[in-house]
């Protein structure tokens, strides 16, 4: 093969131009951005569902406690320290005194006891408690949300 034949073969081969390559890179970048935004939305929904599930478990156990004992629990300890054979025994949920945040909100909730009227938290007793409120973190809204059971006119966060 001569030198002239090599030059002719090289000229006849085709390739992509830099503009075509840049267009492909831009399209891939746009698709990646759409995927990331969509993934964040799905992740937020999943985290919110997890947090709401934890709050719902506390509400359901509080209602079971109310059905068996005739009043709502004054503290979450009544649910968490219950024997495993009790229908209102609660496990697997972290409860704290402060409202949950985006960093701990998937499995952490806040338990609040409520009464029809009360001057302070100490005024709520087994005979005056009318309901409970459970506060959880809503990742989609970026704020706290709540589930209620019973009458929740005046609620107090725990003073732990």
Protein backbone atom coordinates (compact mmCIF):
# COMPACT_ATOMS: atom_id res chain seq x y z
CA UNK A 1 0.00 0.00 0.00
CA UNK A 2 1.41 3.33 -0.96
CA UNK A 3 1.39 6.59 0.93
CA UNK A 4 -1.23 8.06 -1.44
CA UNK A 5 -3.63 5.18 -0.77
CA UNK A 6 -3.40 5.76 3.02
CA UNK A 7 -4.20 9.49 2.62
CA UNK A 8 -7.20 8.63 0.43
CA UNK A 9 -8.52 6.06 2.96
CA UNK A 10 -8.24 8.52 5.83
CA UNK A 11 -10.17 11.19 3.96
CA UNK A 12 -13.03 8.81 3.16
CA UNK A 13 -13.59 7.78 6.80
CA UNK A 14 -16.33 9.71 8.58
CA UNK A 15 -16.64 10.68 12.28
CA UNK A 16 -18.63 12.86 14.63
CA UNK A 17 -18.02 16.56 14.72
CA UNK A 18 -17.42 18.38 17.98
CA UNK A 19 -20.84 20.05 17.69
CA UNK A 20 -22.61 16.69 17.41
CA UNK A 21 -20.73 15.37 20.46
CA UNK A 22 -21.63 18.49 22.47
CA UNK A 23 -25.33 18.12 21.58
CA UNK A 24 -25.29 14.51 22.80
CA UNK A 25 -23.58 15.55 26.05
CA UNK A 26 -26.16 18.31 26.63
CA UNK A 27 -29.07 15.91 26.03
CA UNK A 28 -27.58 13.37 28.46
CA UNK A 29 -27.15 16.15 31.04
CA UNK A 30 -30.79 17.21 30.70
CA UNK A 31 -32.00 13.63 31.10
CA UNK A 32 -29.78 13.18 34.16
CA UNK A 33 -31.16 16.36 35.75
CA UNK A 34 -34.74 15.20 35.20
CA UNK A 35 -33.93 11.81 36.72
CA UNK A 36 -32.30 13.34 39.81
CA UNK A 37 -35.27 15.66 40.46
CA UNK A 38 -37.68 12.77 40.03
CA UNK A 39 -35.62 10.59 42.36
CA UNK A 40 -35.65 13.26 45.08
CA UNK A 41 -39.45 13.45 44.87
CA UNK A 42 -39.77 9.68 45.20
CA UNK A 43 -37.33 9.66 48.12
CA UNK A 44 -39.26 12.39 49.93
CA UNK A 45 -42.53 10.49 49.48
CA UNK A 46 -40.95 7.30 50.81
CA UNK A 47 -39.49 9.09 53.84
CA UNK A 48 -42.82 10.78 54.56
CA UNK A 49 -44.60 7.44 54.34
CA UNK A 50 -42.12 5.93 56.80
CA UNK A 51 -42.56 8.80 59.26
CA UNK A 52 -46.35 8.75 58.95
CA UNK A 53 -46.33 4.99 59.50
CA UNK A 54 -44.41 5.44 62.77
CA UNK A 55 -46.87 8.13 63.89
CA UNK A 56 -49.82 5.96 62.89
CA UNK A 57 -48.45 3.07 64.95
CA UNK A 58 -48.34 5.30 68.04
CA UNK A 59 -51.90 6.51 67.41
CA UNK A 60 -53.22 2.96 66.95
CA UNK A 61 -51.50 1.73 70.13
CA UNK A 62 -52.88 4.75 72.03
CA UNK A 63 -56.38 3.88 70.83
CA UNK A 64 -55.88 0.25 71.90
CA UNK A 65 -54.70 1.50 75.32
CA UNK A 66 -57.82 3.70 75.55
CA UNK A 67 -60.06 0.77 74.66
CA UNK A 68 -58.54 -1.45 77.35
CA UNK A 69 -57.83 1.06 80.14
CA UNK A 70 -60.62 3.59 79.61
CA UNK A 71 -58.30 6.57 79.05
CA UNK A 72 -55.48 7.58 76.77
CA UNK A 73 -51.91 7.03 78.00
CA UNK A 74 -50.40 9.92 79.94
CA UNK A 75 -46.92 9.10 78.71
CA UNK A 76 -45.51 7.06 75.91
CA UNK A 77 -43.79 4.93 78.53
CA UNK A 78 -47.18 3.34 79.20
CA UNK A 79 -47.04 1.97 75.66
CA UNK A 80 -43.34 1.19 75.32
CA UNK A 81 -42.95 -0.53 78.70
CA UNK A 82 -46.07 -2.66 78.28
CA UNK A 83 -45.63 -6.40 78.18
CA UNK A 84 -45.35 -7.83 74.67
CA UNK A 85 -48.61 -9.71 75.25
CA UNK A 86 -50.58 -6.46 75.66
CA UNK A 87 -52.36 -5.24 72.52
CA UNK A 88 -51.02 -1.74 73.06
CA UNK A 89 -47.33 -2.71 73.38
CA UNK A 90 -45.30 -0.37 71.13
CA UNK A 91 -41.85 -1.17 69.73
CA UNK A 92 -39.68 0.15 66.91
CA UNK A 93 -40.58 3.84 67.19
CA UNK A 94 -38.26 6.50 68.59
CA UNK A 95 -40.02 9.24 70.53
CA UNK A 96 -38.39 12.47 71.65
CA UNK A 97 -39.38 15.60 73.54
CA UNK A 98 -38.56 17.99 70.68
CA UNK A 99 -40.43 17.94 67.39
CA UNK A 100 -38.81 15.72 64.74
CA UNK A 101 -36.64 17.25 62.01
CA UNK A 102 -35.52 16.29 58.53
CA UNK A 103 -32.42 14.58 59.93
CA UNK A 104 -34.22 12.22 62.33
CA UNK A 105 -37.79 12.32 61.04
CA UNK A 106 -37.99 8.93 59.32
CA UNK A 107 -38.33 6.99 62.57
CA UNK A 108 -38.78 9.69 65.22
CA UNK A 109 -42.05 11.19 66.42
CA UNK A 110 -43.22 13.41 69.26
CA UNK A 111 -46.01 12.22 71.57
CA UNK A 112 -48.30 14.87 73.08
CA UNK A 113 -51.08 14.37 75.59
CA UNK A 114 -54.22 16.47 75.23
CA UNK A 115 -57.14 17.62 77.37
CA UNK A 116 -60.30 19.65 76.88
CA UNK A 117 -58.87 22.42 79.07
CA UNK A 118 -55.65 22.52 81.03
CA UNK A 119 -53.53 25.28 82.50
CA UNK A 120 -50.35 23.27 82.14
CA UNK A 121 -49.08 19.79 81.35
CA UNK A 122 -49.16 18.70 85.00
CA UNK A 123 -52.91 19.43 85.11
CA UNK A 124 -53.59 16.56 82.68
CA UNK A 125 -54.40 13.39 84.59
CA UNK A 126 -55.81 10.00 83.64
CA UNK A 127 -59.32 11.34 84.30
CA UNK A 128 -58.87 14.57 82.28
CA UNK A 129 -56.90 13.31 79.27
CA UNK A 130 -59.09 13.42 76.17
CA UNK A 131 -56.71 12.45 73.38
CA UNK A 132 -53.21 12.31 72.00
CA UNK A 133 -51.39 14.05 69.20
CA UNK A 134 -48.39 12.56 67.42
CA UNK A 135 -46.11 14.94 65.51
CA UNK A 136 -43.99 13.59 62.63
CA UNK A 137 -41.82 15.11 59.88
CA UNK A 138 -43.39 15.48 56.42
CA UNK A 139 -40.44 15.35 54.01
CA UNK A 140 -42.56 16.38 51.00
CA UNK A 141 -43.74 19.57 52.71
CA UNK A 142 -40.52 20.15 54.64
CA UNK A 143 -42.42 20.73 57.88
CA UNK A 144 -43.95 18.89 60.80
CA UNK A 145 -47.35 17.26 60.45
CA UNK A 146 -49.57 15.57 63.00
CA UNK A 147 -52.01 12.75 63.57
CA UNK A 148 -54.65 13.05 66.28
CA UNK A 149 -56.72 10.63 68.29
CA UNK A 150 -59.58 11.72 70.49
CA UNK A 151 -60.19 15.35 71.38
CA UNK A 152 -57.05 17.44 70.99
CA UNK A 153 -58.17 20.91 72.10
CA UNK A 154 -55.17 21.62 74.37
CA UNK A 155 -52.03 19.55 73.85
CA UNK A 156 -48.65 19.60 75.54
CA UNK A 157 -45.34 18.35 74.26
CA UNK A 158 -43.52 16.18 76.78
CA UNK A 159 -41.31 18.02 79.23
CA UNK A 160 -38.57 15.40 79.22
